[in-house]
C-alpha atoms as a PDB file:
ATOM      1  CA  MET A   1     -27.475   2.072  -5.916  1.00  0.00           C
ATOM      2  CA  GLU A   2     -26.740   5.515  -4.550  1.00  0.00           C
ATOM      3  CA  GLY A   3     -24.301   5.747  -1.260  1.00  0.00           C
ATOM      4  CA  GLU A   4     -22.764   2.607  -2.112  1.00  0.00           C
ATOM      5  CA  MET A   5     -19.103   2.178  -0.384  1.00  0.00           C
ATOM      6  CA  LYS A   6     -16.309   2.574  -2.435  1.00  0.00           C
ATOM      7  CA  GLU A   7     -12.640   1.888  -1.677  1.00  0.00           C
ATOM      8  CA  LEU A   8      -9.117   2.676  -3.348  1.00  0.00           C
ATOM      9  CA  SER A   9      -7.392  -0.032  -5.038  1.00  0.00           C
ATOM     10  CA  TYR A  10      -3.351   0.131  -5.488  1.00  0.00           C
ATOM     11  CA  LYS A  11      -3.962  -3.042  -8.202  1.00  0.00           C
ATOM     12  CA  LYS A  12      -2.526  -0.490 -10.991  1.00  0.00           C
ATOM     13  CA  LEU A  13       0.261   0.405  -8.881  1.00  0.00           C
ATOM     14  CA  PHE A  14       1.522  -3.112  -8.966  1.00  0.00           C
ATOM     15  CA  LYS A  15       0.872  -3.285 -12.733  1.00  0.00           C
ATOM     16  CA  LYS A  16       2.754  -0.506 -13.596  1.00  0.00           C
ATOM     17  CA  LEU A  17       5.763  -1.381 -11.292  1.00  0.00           C
ATOM     18  CA  ILE A  18       5.622  -4.614 -13.779  1.00  0.00           C
ATOM     19  CA  ASP A  19       5.656  -2.853 -17.119  1.00  0.00           C
ATOM     20  CA  VAL A  20       8.509  -0.654 -16.093  1.00  0.00           C
ATOM     21  CA  GLU A  21      10.434  -3.470 -14.567  1.00  0.00           C
ATOM     22  CA  MET A  22      11.081  -1.988 -11.064  1.00  0.00           C
ATOM     23  CA  LYS A  23      11.045  -4.468  -8.122  1.00  0.00           C
ATOM     24  CA  ASN A  24       9.218  -3.630  -5.125  1.00  0.00           C
ATOM     25  CA  PHE A  25      12.188  -2.570  -3.024  1.00  0.00           C
ATOM     26  CA  GLU A  26      13.780  -0.501  -5.711  1.00  0.00           C
ATOM     27  CA  LEU A  27      10.128   1.655  -5.166  1.00  0.00           C
ATOM     28  CA  MET A  28      10.433   1.530  -1.237  1.00  0.00           C
ATOM     29  CA  GLU A  29      13.809   2.780  -1.575  1.00  0.00           C
ATOM     30  CA  LYS A  30      13.578   5.556  -4.499  1.00  0.00           C
ATOM     31  CA  ALA A  31      10.233   6.705  -3.194  1.00  0.00           C
ATOM     32  CA  ASN A  32      11.670   6.562   0.866  1.00  0.00           C
ATOM     33  CA  ILE A  33       8.978   4.186   1.599  1.00  0.00           C
ATOM     34  CA  SER A  34       8.853   1.907   5.053  1.00  0.00           C
ATOM     35  CA  LYS A  35       8.073  -1.545   5.067  1.00  0.00           C
ATOM     36  CA  SER A  36       5.049  -1.075   6.744  1.00  0.00           C
ATOM     37  CA  THR A  37       3.542   1.087   4.054  1.00  0.00           C
ATOM     38  CA  PHE A  38       4.107  -0.271   1.215  1.00  0.00           C
ATOM     39  CA  TYR A  39       2.304  -3.643   2.805  1.00  0.00           C
ATOM     40  CA  LYS A  40      -0.507  -1.066   3.562  1.00  0.00           C
ATOM     41  CA  LEU A  41      -0.336  -0.610  -0.366  1.00  0.00           C
ATOM     42  CA  LYS A  42      -0.278  -4.161  -1.007  1.00  0.00           C
ATOM     43  CA  ASN A  43      -3.337  -4.701   1.169  1.00  0.00           C
ATOM     44  CA  ASN A  44      -5.326  -2.024  -0.254  1.00  0.00           C
ATOM     45  CA  GLU A  45      -5.374   0.178   3.164  1.00  0.00           C
ATOM     46  CA  ASN A  46      -5.181   3.948   3.327  1.00  0.00           C
ATOM     47  CA  VAL A  47      -1.869   5.678   2.784  1.00  0.00           C
ATOM     48  CA  THR A  48      -1.005   9.523   2.642  1.00  0.00           C
ATOM     49  CA  THR A  49      -1.372  11.283  -0.383  1.00  0.00           C
ATOM     50  CA  GLU A  50       2.258  12.570   0.310  1.00  0.00           C
ATOM     51  CA  ILE A  51       3.247   8.946  -0.231  1.00  0.00           C
ATOM     52  CA  LEU A  52       1.113   8.474  -3.380  1.00  0.00           C
ATOM     53  CA  LEU A  53       3.094  11.701  -4.704  1.00  0.00           C
ATOM     54  CA  ARG A  54       6.112  10.382  -3.823  1.00  0.00           C
ATOM     55  CA  ILE A  55       5.501   7.267  -6.070  1.00  0.00           C
ATOM     56  CA  CYS A  56       4.220   9.451  -8.878  1.00  0.00           C
ATOM     57  CA  SER A  57       7.141  11.315  -9.056  1.00  0.00           C
ATOM     58  CA  VAL A  58       9.244   8.071  -9.102  1.00  0.00           C
ATOM     59  CA  LEU A  59       7.340   6.571 -11.604  1.00  0.00           C
ATOM     60  CA  GLU A  60       7.045   9.706 -13.646  1.00  0.00           C
ATOM     61  CA  CYS A  61       3.295   9.374 -13.997  1.00  0.00           C
ATOM     62  CA  ASP A  62      -0.353  10.674 -12.883  1.00  0.00           C
ATOM     63  CA  ILE A  63      -2.229   9.457  -9.759  1.00  0.00           C
ATOM     64  CA  SER A  64      -4.579   7.775 -11.931  1.00  0.00           C
ATOM     65  CA  GLU A  65      -2.018   5.945 -13.429  1.00  0.00           C
ATOM     66  CA  ILE A  66      -1.730   4.330  -9.704  1.00  0.00           C
ATOM     67  CA  VAL A  67      -4.722   4.103  -7.727  1.00  0.00           C
ATOM     68  CA  GLU A  68      -8.556   3.412  -8.811  1.00  0.00           C
ATOM     69  CA  CYS A  69     -11.569   4.058  -6.775  1.00  0.00           C
ATOM     70  CA  VAL A  70     -13.615   0.705  -6.891  1.00  0.00           C
ATOM     71  CA  GLU A  71     -16.715  -0.784  -5.402  1.00  0.00           C
ATOM     72  CA  ALA A  72     -16.231  -1.952  -1.637  1.00  0.00           C
ATOM     73  CA  GLU A  73     -16.721  -6.009  -1.173  1.00  0.00           C
END
């Protein structure tokens, strides 16, 4: 149906962290992310593109490797 709501999912980010064997706190430290921002990622809430780009820089990846657009529940 046209106009269905979409939302961002960060599941790919957490899969990638497992793949590169990086702990959550390690990413938070290296990308300079606060606990509250990290919990937003965990709960698929909005974060700034600046945060996502810092994560990409740390993980040496493209943004499409850590976030995806999915149908809203």
